[in-house]
Amino acid sequence: MSKLSKTKIIKIFTTLLILLIIAKLLSLILFLYITSDGVELNAKRSYKAKYQRVDCHNMLLVREESLKQTKQSVPTYNIDSLLLKGLYGSRFNGYAIVAKKSSPKTTIVAVGEEFAGYKLKEIFMDYVVFTKAKKEYTLSLKKSNTE
Protein backbone atom coordinates (compact mmCIF):
# COMPACT_ATOMS: atom_id res chain seq x y z
CA MET A 1 0.00 0.00 0.00
CA SER A 2 2.73 2.43 0.86
CA LYS A 3 4.35 1.91 -2.58
CA LEU A 4 1.10 2.65 -4.33
CA SER A 5 0.52 5.88 -2.45
CA LYS A 6 4.08 7.07 -2.99
CA THR A 7 3.81 6.61 -6.77
CA LYS A 8 0.56 8.64 -6.86
CA ILE A 9 2.17 11.47 -4.90
CA ILE A 10 5.23 11.43 -7.15
CA LYS A 11 3.03 11.43 -10.28
CA ILE A 12 1.00 14.43 -9.01
CA PHE A 13 4.17 16.22 -7.94
CA THR A 14 5.85 15.72 -11.36
CA THR A 15 2.71 16.93 -13.18
CA LEU A 16 2.64 20.12 -11.08
CA LEU A 17 6.38 20.60 -11.61
CA ILE A 18 5.99 20.27 -15.40
CA LEU A 19 3.12 22.81 -15.39
CA LEU A 20 5.23 25.19 -13.32
CA ILE A 21 8.17 24.87 -15.74
CA ILE A 22 5.90 25.52 -18.76
CA ALA A 23 4.39 28.60 -17.09
CA LYS A 24 7.86 29.92 -16.24
CA LEU A 25 9.07 29.41 -19.82
CA LEU A 26 6.02 31.22 -21.21
CA SER A 27 6.52 34.15 -18.86
CA LEU A 28 10.23 34.32 -19.79
CA ILE A 29 9.43 34.34 -23.52
CA LEU A 30 6.80 37.05 -23.06
CA PHE A 31 9.17 39.09 -20.91
CA LEU A 32 11.84 39.02 -23.62
CA TYR A 33 9.34 39.62 -26.44
CA ILE A 34 7.54 42.65 -24.94
CA THR A 35 9.58 45.85 -24.94
CA SER A 36 10.82 47.24 -21.70
CA ASP A 37 9.31 50.70 -22.37
CA GLY A 38 5.82 49.66 -21.42
CA VAL A 39 2.61 51.44 -22.30
CA GLU A 40 2.33 55.21 -22.05
CA LEU A 41 -0.79 57.34 -21.95
CA ASN A 42 -0.83 59.84 -24.77
CA ALA A 43 -3.74 62.10 -23.80
CA LYS A 44 -4.49 64.89 -26.23
CA ARG A 45 -6.96 66.64 -23.94
CA SER A 46 -6.91 67.05 -20.22
CA TYR A 47 -10.24 67.22 -18.43
CA LYS A 48 -8.66 68.40 -15.23
CA ALA A 49 -9.91 71.85 -14.29
CA LYS A 50 -7.28 74.55 -14.32
CA TYR A 51 -6.59 76.26 -11.04
CA GLN A 52 -7.56 79.91 -11.07
CA ARG A 53 -7.49 82.44 -8.32
CA VAL A 54 -10.79 84.19 -7.76
CA ASP A 55 -10.82 87.65 -6.27
CA CYS A 56 -14.15 88.16 -4.52
CA HIS A 57 -13.13 91.62 -3.43
CA ASN A 58 -14.17 93.10 -6.80
CA MET A 59 -17.63 91.57 -6.53
CA LEU A 60 -18.25 93.09 -3.12
CA LEU A 61 -17.11 96.62 -3.93
CA VAL A 62 -19.71 99.21 -4.72
CA ARG A 63 -18.54 100.73 -7.94
CA GLU A 64 -18.43 104.49 -7.98
CA GLU A 65 -19.31 104.38 -11.66
CA SER A 66 -22.70 102.79 -10.99
CA LEU A 67 -23.44 105.21 -8.18
CA LYS A 68 -22.62 108.25 -10.35
CA GLN A 69 -24.90 107.10 -13.13
CA THR A 70 -28.10 106.88 -11.11
CA LYS A 71 -29.47 109.81 -13.08
CA GLN A 72 -29.48 109.30 -16.82
CA SER A 73 -29.79 111.91 -19.53
CA VAL A 74 -32.06 109.70 -21.67
CA PRO A 75 -35.71 109.77 -20.56
CA THR A 76 -36.73 106.43 -19.16
CA TYR A 77 -40.09 104.82 -18.54
CA ASN A 78 -41.18 102.50 -15.75
CA ILE A 79 -42.41 98.97 -16.32
CA ASP A 80 -45.53 98.26 -14.28
CA SER A 81 -46.15 94.70 -15.49
CA LEU A 82 -42.87 93.24 -14.14
CA LEU A 83 -41.27 92.79 -10.70
CA LEU A 84 -37.53 92.84 -10.06
CA LYS A 85 -36.73 90.18 -7.45
CA GLY A 86 -32.92 90.20 -7.39
CA LEU A 87 -29.67 91.27 -9.06
CA TYR A 88 -26.31 89.59 -9.52
CA GLY A 89 -23.17 90.73 -11.31
CA SER A 90 -21.84 93.96 -12.70
CA ARG A 91 -23.20 96.56 -15.07
CA PHE A 92 -22.70 94.85 -18.43
CA ASN A 93 -22.14 91.30 -17.21
CA GLY A 94 -24.75 90.02 -14.82
CA TYR A 95 -28.19 88.58 -14.20
CA ALA A 96 -31.54 89.90 -13.03
CA ILE A 97 -34.27 87.81 -11.42
CA VAL A 98 -37.53 89.03 -12.90
CA ALA A 99 -41.16 87.94 -12.58
CA LYS A 100 -44.41 89.01 -14.16
CA LYS A 101 -46.89 90.53 -11.71
CA SER A 102 -49.57 88.15 -12.97
CA SER A 103 -47.44 85.04 -12.30
CA PRO A 104 -45.32 84.08 -9.25
CA LYS A 105 -42.82 82.24 -11.49
CA THR A 106 -39.40 83.95 -11.63
CA THR A 107 -36.97 83.98 -14.54
CA ILE A 108 -33.24 84.68 -14.57
CA VAL A 109 -32.34 87.06 -17.40
CA ALA A 110 -28.76 87.80 -18.45
CA VAL A 111 -27.60 91.08 -19.94
CA GLY A 112 -28.54 91.01 -23.62
CA GLU A 113 -31.40 88.50 -23.22
CA GLU A 114 -35.08 89.23 -23.73
CA PHE A 115 -37.96 88.77 -21.30
CA ALA A 116 -41.59 89.62 -22.08
CA GLY A 117 -40.53 91.65 -25.10
CA TYR A 118 -37.96 93.73 -23.18
CA LYS A 119 -34.22 93.32 -23.70
CA LEU A 120 -32.00 93.67 -20.59
CA LYS A 121 -29.43 96.37 -21.30
CA GLU A 122 -27.69 97.24 -18.00
CA ILE A 123 -27.67 96.33 -14.32
CA PHE A 124 -27.16 98.90 -11.58
CA MET A 125 -27.12 98.63 -7.78
CA ASP A 126 -30.87 98.82 -7.24
CA TYR A 127 -32.44 98.80 -10.69
CA VAL A 128 -32.05 97.46 -14.23
CA VAL A 129 -32.51 99.06 -17.62
CA PHE A 130 -34.52 97.28 -20.32
CA THR A 131 -34.97 98.42 -23.92
CA LYS A 132 -37.95 97.96 -26.19
CA ALA A 133 -38.55 99.70 -29.52
CA LYS A 134 -35.49 101.96 -28.93
CA LYS A 135 -36.95 103.23 -25.64
CA GLU A 136 -35.37 102.61 -22.26
CA TYR A 137 -37.39 101.26 -19.34
CA THR A 138 -36.24 100.98 -15.74
CA LEU A 139 -37.29 98.35 -13.25
CA SER A 140 -36.36 98.98 -9.61
CA LEU A 141 -36.01 96.71 -6.62
CA LYS A 142 -38.75 97.12 -4.01
CA LYS A 143 -37.58 98.38 -0.63
CA SER A 144 -38.15 95.74 2.03
CA ASN A 145 -40.15 96.52 5.17
CA THR A 146 -37.24 95.52 7.43
CA GLU A 147 -35.04 98.44 6.38
C-alpha atoms as a PDB file:
ATOM      1  CA  MET A   1       0.000   0.000   0.000  1.00  0.00           C
ATOM      2  CA  SER A   2       2.729   2.427   0.861  1.00  0.00           C
ATOM      3  CA  LYS A   3       4.347   1.913  -2.581  1.00  0.00           C
ATOM      4  CA  LEU A   4       1.096   2.651  -4.334  1.00  0.00           C
ATOM      5  CA  SER A   5       0.515   5.885  -2.453  1.00  0.00           C
ATOM      6  CA  LYS A   6       4.084   7.070  -2.994  1.00  0.00           C
ATOM      7  CA  THR A   7       3.813   6.608  -6.769  1.00  0.00           C
ATOM      8  CA  LYS A   8       0.560   8.643  -6.865  1.00  0.00           C
ATOM      9  CA  ILE A   9       2.171  11.467  -4.899  1.00  0.00           C
ATOM     10  CA  ILE A  10       5.230  11.435  -7.151  1.00  0.00           C
ATOM     11  CA  LYS A  11       3.029  11.428 -10.279  1.00  0.00           C
ATOM     12  CA  ILE A  12       1.001  14.428  -9.014  1.00  0.00           C
ATOM     13  CA  PHE A  13       4.167  16.222  -7.945  1.00  0.00           C
ATOM     14  CA  THR A  14       5.852  15.717 -11.356  1.00  0.00           C
ATOM     15  CA  THR A  15       2.709  16.926 -13.178  1.00  0.00           C
ATOM     16  CA  LEU A  16       2.642  20.121 -11.082  1.00  0.00           C
ATOM     17  CA  LEU A  17       6.382  20.602 -11.615  1.00  0.00           C
ATOM     18  CA  ILE A  18       5.995  20.272 -15.399  1.00  0.00           C
ATOM     19  CA  LEU A  19       3.124  22.805 -15.394  1.00  0.00           C
ATOM     20  CA  LEU A  20       5.226  25.189 -13.324  1.00  0.00           C
ATOM     21  CA  ILE A  21       8.165  24.871 -15.741  1.00  0.00           C
ATOM     22  CA  ILE A  22       5.898  25.515 -18.758  1.00  0.00           C
ATOM     23  CA  ALA A  23       4.393  28.604 -17.088  1.00  0.00           C
ATOM     24  CA  LYS A  24       7.857  29.922 -16.241  1.00  0.00           C
ATOM     25  CA  LEU A  25       9.072  29.414 -19.816  1.00  0.00           C
ATOM     26  CA  LEU A  26       6.019  31.220 -21.211  1.00  0.00           C
ATOM     27  CA  SER A  27       6.521  34.148 -18.862  1.00  0.00           C
ATOM     28  CA  LEU A  28      10.231  34.319 -19.786  1.00  0.00           C
ATOM     29  CA  ILE A  29       9.430  34.336 -23.522  1.00  0.00           C
ATOM     30  CA  LEU A  30       6.797  37.054 -23.057  1.00  0.00           C
ATOM     31  CA  PHE A  31       9.175  39.091 -20.905  1.00  0.00           C
ATOM     32  CA  LEU A  32      11.843  39.018 -23.619  1.00  0.00           C
ATOM     33  CA  TYR A  33       9.341  39.622 -26.441  1.00  0.00           C
ATOM     34  CA  ILE A  34       7.541  42.647 -24.940  1.00  0.00           C
ATOM     35  CA  THR A  35       9.579  45.846 -24.940  1.00  0.00           C
ATOM     36  CA  SER A  36      10.822  47.239 -21.697  1.00  0.00           C
ATOM     37  CA  ASP A  37       9.310  50.702 -22.369  1.00  0.00           C
ATOM     38  CA  GLY A  38       5.818  49.661 -21.416  1.00  0.00           C
ATOM     39  CA  VAL A  39       2.614  51.443 -22.305  1.00  0.00           C
ATOM     40  CA  GLU A  40       2.326  55.210 -22.051  1.00  0.00           C
ATOM     41  CA  LEU A  41      -0.794  57.341 -21.950  1.00  0.00           C
ATOM     42  CA  ASN A  42      -0.834  59.840 -24.772  1.00  0.00           C
ATOM     43  CA  ALA A  43      -3.735  62.097 -23.800  1.00  0.00           C
ATOM     44  CA  LYS A  44      -4.492  64.892 -26.230  1.00  0.00           C
ATOM     45  CA  ARG A  45      -6.962  66.640 -23.937  1.00  0.00           C
ATOM     46  CA  SER A  46      -6.915  67.055 -20.221  1.00  0.00           C
ATOM     47  CA  TYR A  47     -10.237  67.216 -18.435  1.00  0.00           C
ATOM     48  CA  LYS A  48      -8.663  68.401 -15.231  1.00  0.00           C
ATOM     49  CA  ALA A  49      -9.910  71.847 -14.291  1.00  0.00           C
ATOM     50  CA  LYS A  50      -7.280  74.549 -14.321  1.00  0.00           C
ATOM     51  CA  TYR A  51      -6.587  76.258 -11.040  1.00  0.00           C
ATOM     52  CA  GLN A  52      -7.556  79.912 -11.072  1.00  0.00           C
ATOM     53  CA  ARG A  53      -7.495  82.441  -8.316  1.00  0.00           C
ATOM     54  CA  VAL A  54     -10.792  84.192  -7.760  1.00  0.00           C
ATOM     55  CA  ASP A  55     -10.819  87.651  -6.269  1.00  0.00           C
ATOM     56  CA  CYS A  56     -14.153  88.161  -4.519  1.00  0.00           C
ATOM     57  CA  HIS A  57     -13.128  91.624  -3.425  1.00  0.00           C
ATOM     58  CA  ASN A  58     -14.172  93.099  -6.798  1.00  0.00           C
ATOM     59  CA  MET A  59     -17.631  91.569  -6.532  1.00  0.00           C
ATOM     60  CA  LEU A  60     -18.250  93.089  -3.118  1.00  0.00           C
ATOM     61  CA  LEU A  61     -17.105  96.615  -3.926  1.00  0.00           C
ATOM     62  CA  VAL A  62     -19.706  99.215  -4.718  1.00  0.00           C
ATOM     63  CA  ARG A  63     -18.536 100.726  -7.936  1.00  0.00           C
ATOM     64  CA  GLU A  64     -18.425 104.493  -7.983  1.00  0.00           C
ATOM     65  CA  GLU A  65     -19.312 104.384 -11.656  1.00  0.00           C
ATOM     66  CA  SER A  66     -22.697 102.795 -10.994  1.00  0.00           C
ATOM     67  CA  LEU A  67     -23.444 105.215  -8.181  1.00  0.00           C
ATOM     68  CA  LYS A  68     -22.615 108.245 -10.349  1.00  0.00           C
ATOM     69  CA  GLN A  69     -24.905 107.097 -13.131  1.00  0.00           C
ATOM     70  CA  THR A  70     -28.096 106.877 -11.111  1.00  0.00           C
ATOM     71  CA  LYS A  71     -29.469 109.808 -13.081  1.00  0.00           C
ATOM     72  CA  GLN A  72     -29.484 109.296 -16.822  1.00  0.00           C
ATOM     73  CA  SER A  73     -29.790 111.906 -19.529  1.00  0.00           C
ATOM     74  CA  VAL A  74     -32.055 109.703 -21.675  1.00  0.00           C
ATOM     75  CA  PRO A  75     -35.707 109.774 -20.563  1.00  0.00           C
ATOM     76  CA  THR A  76     -36.728 106.428 -19.160  1.00  0.00           C
ATOM     77  CA  TYR A  77     -40.085 104.820 -18.536  1.00  0.00           C
ATOM     78  CA  ASN A  78     -41.183 102.497 -15.746  1.00  0.00           C
ATOM     79  CA  ILE A  79     -42.414  98.965 -16.321  1.00  0.00           C
ATOM     80  CA  ASP A  80     -45.533  98.259 -14.284  1.00  0.00           C
ATOM     81  CA  SER A  81     -46.149  94.702 -15.492  1.00  0.00           C
ATOM     82  CA  LEU A  82     -42.867  93.239 -14.138  1.00  0.00           C
ATOM     83  CA  LEU A  83     -41.268  92.786 -10.703  1.00  0.00           C
ATOM     84  CA  LEU A  84     -37.526  92.842 -10.056  1.00  0.00           C
ATOM     85  CA  LYS A  85     -36.733  90.177  -7.449  1.00  0.00           C
ATOM     86  CA  GLY A  86     -32.917  90.202  -7.393  1.00  0.00           C
ATOM     87  CA  LEU A  87     -29.666  91.268  -9.057  1.00  0.00           C
ATOM     88  CA  TYR A  88     -26.308  89.590  -9.523  1.00  0.00           C
ATOM     89  CA  GLY A  89     -23.165  90.726 -11.310  1.00  0.00           C
ATOM     90  CA  SER A  90     -21.838  93.958 -12.699  1.00  0.00           C
ATOM     91  CA  ARG A  91     -23.201  96.563 -15.071  1.00  0.00           C
ATOM     92  CA  PHE A  92     -22.698  94.851 -18.427  1.00  0.00           C
ATOM     93  CA  ASN A  93     -22.139  91.299 -17.213  1.00  0.00           C
ATOM     94  CA  GLY A  94     -24.746  90.020 -14.819  1.00  0.00           C
ATOM     95  CA  TYR A  95     -28.188  88.585 -14.201  1.00  0.00           C
ATOM     96  CA  ALA A  96     -31.539  89.902 -13.030  1.00  0.00           C
ATOM     97  CA  ILE A  97     -34.266  87.808 -11.417  1.00  0.00           C
ATOM     98  CA  VAL A  98     -37.527  89.030 -12.904  1.00  0.00           C
ATOM     99  CA  ALA A  99     -41.161  87.937 -12.583  1.00  0.00           C
ATOM    100  CA  LYS A 100     -44.415  89.008 -14.164  1.00  0.00           C
ATOM    101  CA  LYS A 101     -46.893  90.529 -11.713  1.00  0.00           C
ATOM    102  CA  SER A 102     -49.566  88.154 -12.972  1.00  0.00           C
ATOM    103  CA  SER A 103     -47.442  85.044 -12.299  1.00  0.00           C
ATOM    104  CA  PRO A 104     -45.317  84.076  -9.253  1.00  0.00           C
ATOM    105  CA  LYS A 105     -42.823  82.239 -11.494  1.00  0.00           C
ATOM    106  CA  THR A 106     -39.402  83.949 -11.633  1.00  0.00           C
ATOM    107  CA  THR A 107     -36.972  83.984 -14.543  1.00  0.00           C
ATOM    108  CA  ILE A 108     -33.239  84.675 -14.570  1.00  0.00           C
ATOM    109  CA  VAL A 109     -32.343  87.062 -17.395  1.00  0.00           C
ATOM    110  CA  ALA A 110     -28.757  87.802 -18.446  1.00  0.00           C
ATOM    111  CA  VAL A 111     -27.599  91.084 -19.940  1.00  0.00           C
ATOM    112  CA  GLY A 112     -28.543  91.009 -23.619  1.00  0.00           C
ATOM    113  CA  GLU A 113     -31.401  88.499 -23.222  1.00  0.00           C
ATOM    114  CA  GLU A 114     -35.078  89.228 -23.729  1.00  0.00           C
ATOM    115  CA  PHE A 115     -37.956  88.771 -21.300  1.00  0.00           C
ATOM    116  CA  ALA A 116     -41.595  89.617 -22.082  1.00  0.00           C
ATOM    117  CA  GLY A 117     -40.531  91.652 -25.099  1.00  0.00           C
ATOM    118  CA  TYR A 118     -37.961  93.726 -23.181  1.00  0.00           C
ATOM    119  CA  LYS A 119     -34.219  93.316 -23.699  1.00  0.00           C
ATOM    120  CA  LEU A 120     -32.000  93.667 -20.594  1.00  0.00           C
ATOM    121  CA  LYS A 121     -29.425  96.373 -21.299  1.00  0.00           C
ATOM    122  CA  GLU A 122     -27.688  97.242 -17.999  1.00  0.00           C
ATOM    123  CA  ILE A 123     -27.671  96.327 -14.321  1.00  0.00           C
ATOM    124  CA  PHE A 124     -27.160  98.899 -11.577  1.00  0.00           C
ATOM    125  CA  MET A 125     -27.116  98.629  -7.780  1.00  0.00           C
ATOM    126  CA  ASP A 126     -30.869  98.817  -7.240  1.00  0.00           C
ATOM    127  CA  TYR A 127     -32.444  98.803 -10.694  1.00  0.00           C
ATOM    128  CA  VAL A 128     -32.052  97.460 -14.225  1.00  0.00           C
ATOM    129  CA  VAL A 129     -32.509  99.063 -17.624  1.00  0.00           C
ATOM    130  CA  PHE A 130     -34.525  97.280 -20.319  1.00  0.00           C
ATOM    131  CA  THR A 131     -34.975  98.423 -23.923  1.00  0.00           C
ATOM    132  CA  LYS A 132     -37.953  97.959 -26.192  1.00  0.00           C
ATOM    133  CA  ALA A 133     -38.550  99.700 -29.523  1.00  0.00           C
ATOM    134  CA  LYS A 134     -35.494 101.958 -28.931  1.00  0.00           C
ATOM    135  CA  LYS A 135     -36.954 103.231 -25.636  1.00  0.00           C
ATOM    136  CA  GLU A 136     -35.368 102.615 -22.263  1.00  0.00           C
ATOM    137  CA  TYR A 137     -37.389 101.255 -19.343  1.00  0.00           C
ATOM    138  CA  THR A 138     -36.236 100.978 -15.739  1.00  0.00           C
ATOM    139  CA  LEU A 139     -37.288  98.353 -13.252  1.00  0.00           C
ATOM    140  CA  SER A 140     -36.362  98.981  -9.611  1.00  0.00           C
ATOM    141  CA  LEU A 141     -36.015  96.715  -6.617  1.00  0.00           C
ATOM    142  CA  LYS A 142     -38.753  97.124  -4.007  1.00  0.00           C
ATOM    143  CA  LYS A 143     -37.585  98.382  -0.633  1.00  0.00           C
ATOM    144  CA  SER A 144     -38.147  95.737   2.030  1.00  0.00           C
ATOM    145  CA  ASN A 145     -40.146  96.518   5.170  1.00  0.00           C
ATOM    146  CA  THR A 146     -37.235  95.515   7.433  1.00  0.00           C
ATOM    147  CA  GLU A 147     -35.038  98.436   6.382  1.00  0.00           C
END
